[in-house]
Amino acid sequence: MSAGISPEAETRVSADLIEWADVVLVMEKVHRRKLNERFKPHLKAKKLVVLDIRDDYGFMDPELVRILKMKVPRCVDL
């Protein structure tokens, strides 16, 4: 599932989504910081991974999809 921290995100990150997740992946370190600021108690038992991908790609951008296919399997059991 994909969710964002921006008010414009189609699906916004919530405490419920974090509780549901086994692993939380973020694109940039700033996203990790913002999640920690907003949801620290809910993240304590979660694996939180920074993918180190610039967050300036459009939705389903082919280059972003390629990068995600390379990085995400290293972080989660698929």
N, C-alpha and C. Protein backbone atom coordinates (compact mmCIF):
# COMPACT_ATOMS: atom_id res chain seq x y z
N MET A 1 0.84 -1.17 0.00
CA MET A 1 0.00 0.00 0.00
C MET A 1 0.89 1.23 0.00
N SER A 2 0.45 2.26 -0.66
CA SER A 2 1.17 3.52 -0.71
C SER A 2 0.36 4.58 0.02
N ALA A 3 1.05 5.37 0.82
CA ALA A 3 0.42 6.48 1.52
C ALA A 3 1.44 7.60 1.64
N GLY A 4 0.96 8.82 1.73
CA GLY A 4 1.86 9.95 1.79
C GLY A 4 1.67 10.79 3.04
N ILE A 5 2.64 11.64 3.29
CA ILE A 5 2.57 12.53 4.45
C ILE A 5 2.03 13.90 4.07
N SER A 6 1.95 14.16 2.79
CA SER A 6 1.47 15.45 2.30
C SER A 6 -0.05 15.55 2.46
N PRO A 7 -0.55 16.74 2.76
CA PRO A 7 -2.02 16.92 2.83
C PRO A 7 -2.70 16.61 1.50
N GLU A 8 -1.96 16.69 0.39
CA GLU A 8 -2.53 16.41 -0.93
C GLU A 8 -2.50 14.93 -1.30
N ALA A 9 -1.90 14.10 -0.46
CA ALA A 9 -1.78 12.67 -0.77
C ALA A 9 -3.17 12.04 -0.89
N GLU A 10 -3.31 11.18 -1.88
CA GLU A 10 -4.58 10.48 -2.07
C GLU A 10 -4.94 9.65 -0.84
N THR A 11 -3.95 8.93 -0.32
CA THR A 11 -4.09 8.19 0.94
C THR A 11 -3.05 8.75 1.89
N ARG A 12 -3.48 9.28 3.02
CA ARG A 12 -2.56 9.88 3.98
C ARG A 12 -2.14 8.84 5.02
N VAL A 13 -0.89 8.94 5.43
CA VAL A 13 -0.39 8.07 6.49
C VAL A 13 -1.19 8.35 7.76
N SER A 14 -1.53 7.28 8.45
CA SER A 14 -2.27 7.40 9.71
C SER A 14 -1.71 6.41 10.72
N ALA A 15 -2.05 6.60 11.96
CA ALA A 15 -1.63 5.65 13.00
C ALA A 15 -2.16 4.26 12.68
N ASP A 16 -3.38 4.17 12.18
CA ASP A 16 -3.96 2.86 11.83
C ASP A 16 -3.16 2.17 10.74
N LEU A 17 -2.74 2.91 9.72
CA LEU A 17 -1.94 2.30 8.65
C LEU A 17 -0.59 1.83 9.17
N ILE A 18 0.03 2.61 10.03
CA ILE A 18 1.31 2.20 10.59
C ILE A 18 1.14 0.95 11.45
N GLU A 19 0.10 0.91 12.24
CA GLU A 19 -0.17 -0.29 13.06
C GLU A 19 -0.37 -1.51 12.18
N TRP A 20 -1.02 -1.35 11.04
CA TRP A 20 -1.30 -2.44 10.10
C TRP A 20 -0.02 -2.96 9.44
N ALA A 21 0.93 -2.07 9.18
CA ALA A 21 2.12 -2.39 8.39
C ALA A 21 3.11 -3.26 9.16
N ASP A 22 3.77 -4.14 8.43
CA ASP A 22 4.89 -4.89 8.98
C ASP A 22 6.19 -4.09 8.84
N VAL A 23 6.32 -3.41 7.70
CA VAL A 23 7.50 -2.60 7.39
C VAL A 23 7.00 -1.28 6.82
N VAL A 24 7.66 -0.20 7.21
CA VAL A 24 7.32 1.12 6.68
C VAL A 24 8.51 1.59 5.85
N LEU A 25 8.26 1.86 4.57
CA LEU A 25 9.30 2.33 3.66
C LEU A 25 9.04 3.80 3.36
N VAL A 26 10.10 4.59 3.40
CA VAL A 26 10.00 6.00 3.02
C VAL A 26 11.04 6.30 1.96
N MET A 27 10.77 7.32 1.18
CA MET A 27 11.67 7.67 0.09
C MET A 27 12.93 8.38 0.60
N GLU A 28 12.75 9.36 1.50
CA GLU A 28 13.86 10.20 1.93
C GLU A 28 13.94 10.29 3.46
N LYS A 29 15.10 10.72 3.95
CA LYS A 29 15.30 10.86 5.39
C LYS A 29 14.32 11.87 6.00
N VAL A 30 13.98 12.89 5.26
CA VAL A 30 13.03 13.88 5.76
C VAL A 30 11.67 13.24 6.04
N HIS A 31 11.30 12.23 5.25
CA HIS A 31 10.03 11.52 5.47
C HIS A 31 10.09 10.73 6.78
N ARG A 32 11.23 10.10 7.03
CA ARG A 32 11.41 9.37 8.29
C ARG A 32 11.27 10.32 9.48
N ARG A 33 11.90 11.48 9.37
CA ARG A 33 11.83 12.47 10.45
C ARG A 33 10.38 12.91 10.68
N LYS A 34 9.65 13.19 9.61
CA LYS A 34 8.27 13.64 9.76
C LYS A 34 7.39 12.55 10.35
N LEU A 35 7.60 11.30 9.92
CA LEU A 35 6.82 10.20 10.50
C LEU A 35 7.13 10.05 11.98
N ASN A 36 8.40 10.14 12.34
CA ASN A 36 8.77 10.05 13.76
C ASN A 36 8.16 11.18 14.58
N GLU A 37 8.11 12.37 14.01
CA GLU A 37 7.50 13.50 14.72
C GLU A 37 6.01 13.26 14.97
N ARG A 38 5.33 12.69 13.99
CA ARG A 38 3.87 12.55 14.06
C ARG A 38 3.41 11.23 14.69
N PHE A 39 4.20 10.17 14.51
CA PHE A 39 3.71 8.82 14.88
C PHE A 39 4.71 8.01 15.69
N LYS A 40 5.60 8.67 16.41
CA LYS A 40 6.67 7.96 17.12
C LYS A 40 6.18 6.77 17.96
N PRO A 41 5.12 6.91 18.76
CA PRO A 41 4.69 5.76 19.56
C PRO A 41 4.27 4.55 18.72
N HIS A 42 3.76 4.81 17.53
CA HIS A 42 3.29 3.72 16.67
C HIS A 42 4.42 3.07 15.87
N LEU A 43 5.55 3.74 15.80
CA LEU A 43 6.68 3.23 15.02
C LEU A 43 7.68 2.42 15.84
N LYS A 44 7.52 2.41 17.16
CA LYS A 44 8.52 1.77 18.03
C LYS A 44 8.80 0.32 17.66
N ALA A 45 7.80 -0.45 17.31
CA ALA A 45 7.99 -1.87 17.02
C ALA A 45 8.06 -2.16 15.52
N LYS A 46 8.21 -1.11 14.71
CA LYS A 46 8.19 -1.27 13.26
C LYS A 46 9.58 -1.16 12.67
N LYS A 47 9.78 -1.85 11.58
CA LYS A 47 10.99 -1.68 10.78
C LYS A 47 10.72 -0.49 9.86
N LEU A 48 11.52 0.56 9.97
CA LEU A 48 11.37 1.77 9.15
C LEU A 48 12.61 1.90 8.28
N VAL A 49 12.41 1.88 6.97
CA VAL A 49 13.52 1.86 6.02
C VAL A 49 13.47 3.10 5.13
N VAL A 50 14.61 3.78 5.02
CA VAL A 50 14.73 4.90 4.08
C VAL A 50 15.33 4.35 2.79
N LEU A 51 14.60 4.51 1.68
CA LEU A 51 15.06 3.98 0.39
C LEU A 51 16.08 4.88 -0.29
N ASP A 52 16.25 6.10 0.18
CA ASP A 52 17.16 7.07 -0.45
C ASP A 52 16.83 7.28 -1.92
N ILE A 53 15.57 7.61 -2.18
CA ILE A 53 15.09 7.92 -3.52
C ILE A 53 14.52 9.33 -3.46
N ARG A 54 14.97 10.20 -4.34
CA ARG A 54 14.41 11.56 -4.40
C ARG A 54 12.89 11.48 -4.59
N ASP A 55 12.18 12.28 -3.87
CA ASP A 55 10.72 12.27 -3.97
C ASP A 55 10.25 13.33 -4.96
N ASP A 56 10.71 13.19 -6.20
CA ASP A 56 10.28 14.15 -7.22
C ASP A 56 9.82 13.46 -8.51
N TYR A 57 9.45 12.20 -8.39
CA TYR A 57 8.93 11.45 -9.54
C TYR A 57 7.41 11.57 -9.57
N GLY A 58 6.85 11.50 -10.77
CA GLY A 58 5.41 11.45 -10.91
C GLY A 58 4.88 10.06 -10.60
N PHE A 59 3.58 9.97 -10.41
CA PHE A 59 2.93 8.69 -10.12
C PHE A 59 3.23 7.69 -11.23
N MET A 60 3.73 6.53 -10.83
CA MET A 60 4.05 5.42 -11.74
C MET A 60 5.09 5.78 -12.80
N ASP A 61 5.94 6.74 -12.51
CA ASP A 61 7.03 7.09 -13.41
C ASP A 61 7.85 5.83 -13.66
N PRO A 62 8.12 5.49 -14.91
CA PRO A 62 8.85 4.25 -15.21
C PRO A 62 10.21 4.15 -14.50
N GLU A 63 10.91 5.26 -14.38
CA GLU A 63 12.21 5.23 -13.70
C GLU A 63 12.03 4.95 -12.21
N LEU A 64 11.02 5.53 -11.59
CA LEU A 64 10.73 5.26 -10.19
C LEU A 64 10.35 3.80 -9.99
N VAL A 65 9.53 3.27 -10.85
CA VAL A 65 9.12 1.86 -10.76
C VAL A 65 10.36 0.96 -10.85
N ARG A 66 11.26 1.29 -11.76
CA ARG A 66 12.49 0.50 -11.93
C ARG A 66 13.32 0.53 -10.64
N ILE A 67 13.47 1.71 -10.05
CA ILE A 67 14.26 1.85 -8.83
C ILE A 67 13.59 1.09 -7.68
N LEU A 68 12.28 1.23 -7.56
CA LEU A 68 11.56 0.53 -6.49
C LEU A 68 11.68 -0.99 -6.64
N LYS A 69 11.59 -1.49 -7.86
CA LYS A 69 11.72 -2.93 -8.09
C LYS A 69 13.10 -3.43 -7.68
N MET A 70 14.08 -2.56 -7.75
CA MET A 70 15.43 -2.94 -7.37
C MET A 70 15.62 -2.85 -5.84
N LYS A 71 15.08 -1.82 -5.20
CA LYS A 71 15.36 -1.57 -3.79
C LYS A 71 14.40 -2.26 -2.82
N VAL A 72 13.12 -2.30 -3.14
CA VAL A 72 12.13 -2.79 -2.17
C VAL A 72 12.35 -4.26 -1.80
N PRO A 73 12.62 -5.16 -2.75
CA PRO A 73 12.80 -6.57 -2.33
C PRO A 73 13.92 -6.78 -1.32
N ARG A 74 14.89 -5.90 -1.29
CA ARG A 74 15.99 -6.01 -0.31
C ARG A 74 15.50 -5.69 1.11
N CYS A 75 14.38 -4.98 1.19
CA CYS A 75 13.88 -4.49 2.49
C CYS A 75 12.76 -5.32 3.07
N VAL A 76 12.08 -6.06 2.24
CA VAL A 76 10.91 -6.81 2.70
C VAL A 76 10.93 -8.22 2.10
N ASP A 77 10.24 -9.12 2.75
CA ASP A 77 10.11 -10.47 2.21
C ASP A 77 8.91 -10.49 1.28
N LEU A 78 9.16 -10.59 -0.01
CA LEU A 78 8.07 -10.65 -1.00
C LEU A 78 7.87 -12.05 -1.50
